[in-house]
């Protein structure tokens, strides 16, 4: 069930990040290289950090009255497999420590935005530039806690499959 207000959004953001962070802290470099469907745990962590930054860019562009490109300029939603493959290629030199640091930094930026926005800015209406009914709070939840939850699930599955 999606968060309905700022308090719930911050709670679920901290809760899901805490769960994911606990898993990440327990992983070795070798475990982070564990692949499932040719995607490593490290790739998943880098991906989640990147998508938070995408959301932050969408929000900033919408607020500035600039065009908002979903999911990114030059890509359509039905091209996510290509986009994600291109992202993995761009992040291929990113090591495990770098991926974790990137996620931590993106998480901190997300939390700072959420804490700085009023209830009305988060849930008072559609996100500017999004061209749909989702509020900034709903977009933030999709980019942050929902992605944290799915990353935790992916990691547990990958580790289980590797053992």
Protein backbone atom coordinates (compact mmCIF):
# COMPACT_ATOMS: atom_id res chain seq x y z
CA UNK A 1 0.00 0.00 0.00
CA UNK A 2 1.57 3.31 -1.05
CA UNK A 3 2.31 5.97 1.53
CA UNK A 4 -0.43 8.57 1.80
CA UNK A 5 1.48 11.39 3.48
CA UNK A 6 4.94 12.75 4.21
CA UNK A 7 5.28 10.98 7.55
CA UNK A 8 4.43 7.59 6.05
CA UNK A 9 6.74 8.24 3.10
CA UNK A 10 9.70 9.08 5.32
CA UNK A 11 8.98 6.08 7.54
CA UNK A 12 8.86 3.62 4.65
CA UNK A 13 11.91 5.21 3.03
CA UNK A 14 14.01 4.80 6.18
CA UNK A 15 12.61 1.33 6.92
CA UNK A 16 13.26 -0.14 3.48
CA UNK A 17 16.67 1.51 3.15
CA UNK A 18 17.65 0.15 6.56
CA UNK A 19 16.71 -3.38 5.53
CA UNK A 20 18.65 -3.09 2.28
CA UNK A 21 21.65 -1.48 3.95
CA UNK A 22 21.81 -4.31 6.49
CA UNK A 23 22.04 -6.82 3.63
CA UNK A 24 24.62 -4.74 1.75
CA UNK A 25 26.88 -4.41 4.78
CA UNK A 26 26.99 -8.19 5.11
CA UNK A 27 28.13 -8.83 1.53
CA UNK A 28 31.67 -9.40 0.36
CA UNK A 29 33.04 -8.23 -2.97
CA UNK A 30 32.68 -11.79 -4.27
CA UNK A 31 29.04 -11.96 -3.19
CA UNK A 32 28.36 -8.58 -4.80
CA UNK A 33 29.62 -10.07 -8.06
CA UNK A 34 27.04 -12.88 -7.80
CA UNK A 35 24.90 -12.84 -10.92
CA UNK A 36 21.36 -13.86 -11.60
CA UNK A 37 20.15 -13.57 -15.20
CA UNK A 38 23.54 -12.03 -16.07
CA UNK A 39 23.03 -9.11 -13.65
CA UNK A 40 25.17 -8.82 -10.52
CA UNK A 41 24.16 -7.64 -7.09
CA UNK A 42 26.54 -4.72 -7.62
CA UNK A 43 24.66 -3.88 -10.84
CA UNK A 44 21.36 -3.83 -8.96
CA UNK A 45 22.74 -1.48 -6.31
CA UNK A 46 24.14 0.90 -8.95
CA UNK A 47 20.83 0.75 -10.80
CA UNK A 48 18.83 1.68 -7.71
CA UNK A 49 21.10 4.65 -6.99
CA UNK A 50 20.74 5.83 -10.57
CA UNK A 51 16.95 5.65 -10.52
CA UNK A 52 16.78 7.82 -7.42
CA UNK A 53 18.88 10.38 -9.28
CA UNK A 54 16.54 10.08 -12.28
CA UNK A 55 13.58 10.91 -10.03
CA UNK A 56 15.42 13.86 -8.49
CA UNK A 57 16.13 15.15 -12.00
CA UNK A 58 12.52 14.67 -13.10
CA UNK A 59 11.31 16.57 -10.07
CA UNK A 60 13.81 19.42 -10.53
CA UNK A 61 13.09 19.73 -14.25
CA UNK A 62 9.34 19.79 -13.66
CA UNK A 63 9.69 22.46 -10.99
CA UNK A 64 11.85 24.53 -13.34
CA UNK A 65 9.32 24.22 -16.17
CA UNK A 66 11.78 22.24 -18.29
CA UNK A 67 10.80 19.21 -20.34
CA UNK A 68 10.77 16.03 -18.26
CA UNK A 69 11.98 12.95 -20.09
CA UNK A 70 10.58 9.64 -18.87
CA UNK A 71 12.43 7.48 -18.24
CA UNK A 72 15.32 9.44 -19.81
CA UNK A 73 15.96 11.48 -22.91
CA UNK A 74 16.07 9.20 -25.95
CA UNK A 75 14.23 6.31 -24.26
CA UNK A 76 10.59 5.30 -23.91
CA UNK A 77 9.14 3.24 -21.05
CA UNK A 78 8.92 0.21 -23.33
CA UNK A 79 12.69 0.50 -23.89
CA UNK A 80 13.67 -0.07 -20.24
CA UNK A 81 15.61 -3.26 -21.00
CA UNK A 82 17.83 -1.29 -23.41
CA UNK A 83 18.10 1.63 -21.00
CA UNK A 84 19.09 -0.63 -18.12
CA UNK A 85 21.62 -2.49 -20.30
CA UNK A 86 23.11 0.86 -21.33
CA UNK A 87 23.26 1.88 -17.67
CA UNK A 88 25.08 -1.35 -16.72
CA UNK A 89 27.59 -0.62 -19.49
CA UNK A 90 28.13 2.92 -18.16
CA UNK A 91 28.57 1.59 -14.63
CA UNK A 92 30.75 -1.41 -15.52
CA UNK A 93 33.85 0.14 -13.90
CA UNK A 94 31.94 0.88 -10.70
CA UNK A 95 33.27 -1.34 -7.91
CA UNK A 96 31.31 -2.69 -4.94
CA UNK A 97 32.38 0.04 -2.52
CA UNK A 98 31.57 2.66 -5.15
CA UNK A 99 28.12 1.17 -5.78
CA UNK A 100 27.30 1.21 -2.07
CA UNK A 101 28.58 4.79 -1.73
CA UNK A 102 26.52 5.86 -4.75
CA UNK A 103 23.38 4.35 -3.24
CA UNK A 104 24.05 5.99 0.14
CA UNK A 105 24.58 9.39 -1.50
CA UNK A 106 21.43 9.06 -3.61
CA UNK A 107 19.42 7.95 -0.58
CA UNK A 108 20.64 10.98 1.39
CA UNK A 109 19.64 13.33 -1.45
CA UNK A 110 16.21 11.69 -1.62
CA UNK A 111 15.67 12.02 2.13
CA UNK A 112 16.82 15.65 2.06
CA UNK A 113 14.28 16.43 -0.67
CA UNK A 114 11.47 14.66 1.16
CA UNK A 115 12.26 16.36 4.44
CA UNK A 116 12.43 19.73 2.71
CA UNK A 117 9.08 19.48 0.94
CA UNK A 118 5.76 20.22 2.56
CA UNK A 119 2.90 17.75 2.72
CA UNK A 120 1.18 19.73 -0.03
CA UNK A 121 4.24 19.68 -2.30
CA UNK A 122 4.53 15.90 -1.88
CA UNK A 123 0.86 14.90 -2.08
CA UNK A 124 -1.16 17.96 -3.12
CA UNK A 125 -1.32 17.16 -6.82
CA UNK A 126 0.43 15.59 -9.78
CA UNK A 127 4.18 16.02 -10.19
CA UNK A 128 4.90 18.83 -12.63
CA UNK A 129 6.03 17.54 -16.00
CA UNK A 130 5.06 13.94 -15.29
CA UNK A 131 1.96 13.98 -17.50
CA UNK A 132 0.07 11.62 -15.18
CA UNK A 133 -1.75 11.74 -11.84
CA UNK A 134 1.13 10.54 -9.66
CA UNK A 135 2.18 12.97 -6.94
CA UNK A 136 5.85 13.71 -6.23
CA UNK A 137 5.44 11.57 -3.10
CA UNK A 138 4.27 8.60 -5.15
CA UNK A 139 7.14 9.04 -7.62
CA UNK A 140 9.59 9.29 -4.72
CA UNK A 141 8.25 6.09 -3.23
CA UNK A 142 8.64 4.28 -6.54
CA UNK A 143 12.23 5.50 -6.94
CA UNK A 144 13.27 4.94 -3.31
CA UNK A 145 11.55 2.51 -0.94
CA UNK A 146 9.92 0.38 -3.64
CA UNK A 147 13.28 0.00 -5.34
CA UNK A 148 14.97 -0.75 -2.01
CA UNK A 149 12.42 -3.50 -1.36
CA UNK A 150 12.87 -5.06 -4.80
CA UNK A 151 16.67 -4.86 -4.50
CA UNK A 152 16.55 -6.70 -1.16
CA UNK A 153 14.37 -9.40 -2.71
CA UNK A 154 16.69 -9.70 -5.73
CA UNK A 155 19.78 -9.99 -3.52
CA UNK A 156 18.27 -12.68 -1.32
CA UNK A 157 17.24 -14.62 -4.42
CA UNK A 158 20.66 -14.28 -6.06
CA UNK A 159 22.45 -15.41 -2.91
CA UNK A 160 20.07 -18.34 -2.47
CA UNK A 161 20.61 -19.38 -6.08
CA UNK A 162 24.38 -19.16 -5.66
CA UNK A 163 24.46 -21.46 -2.62
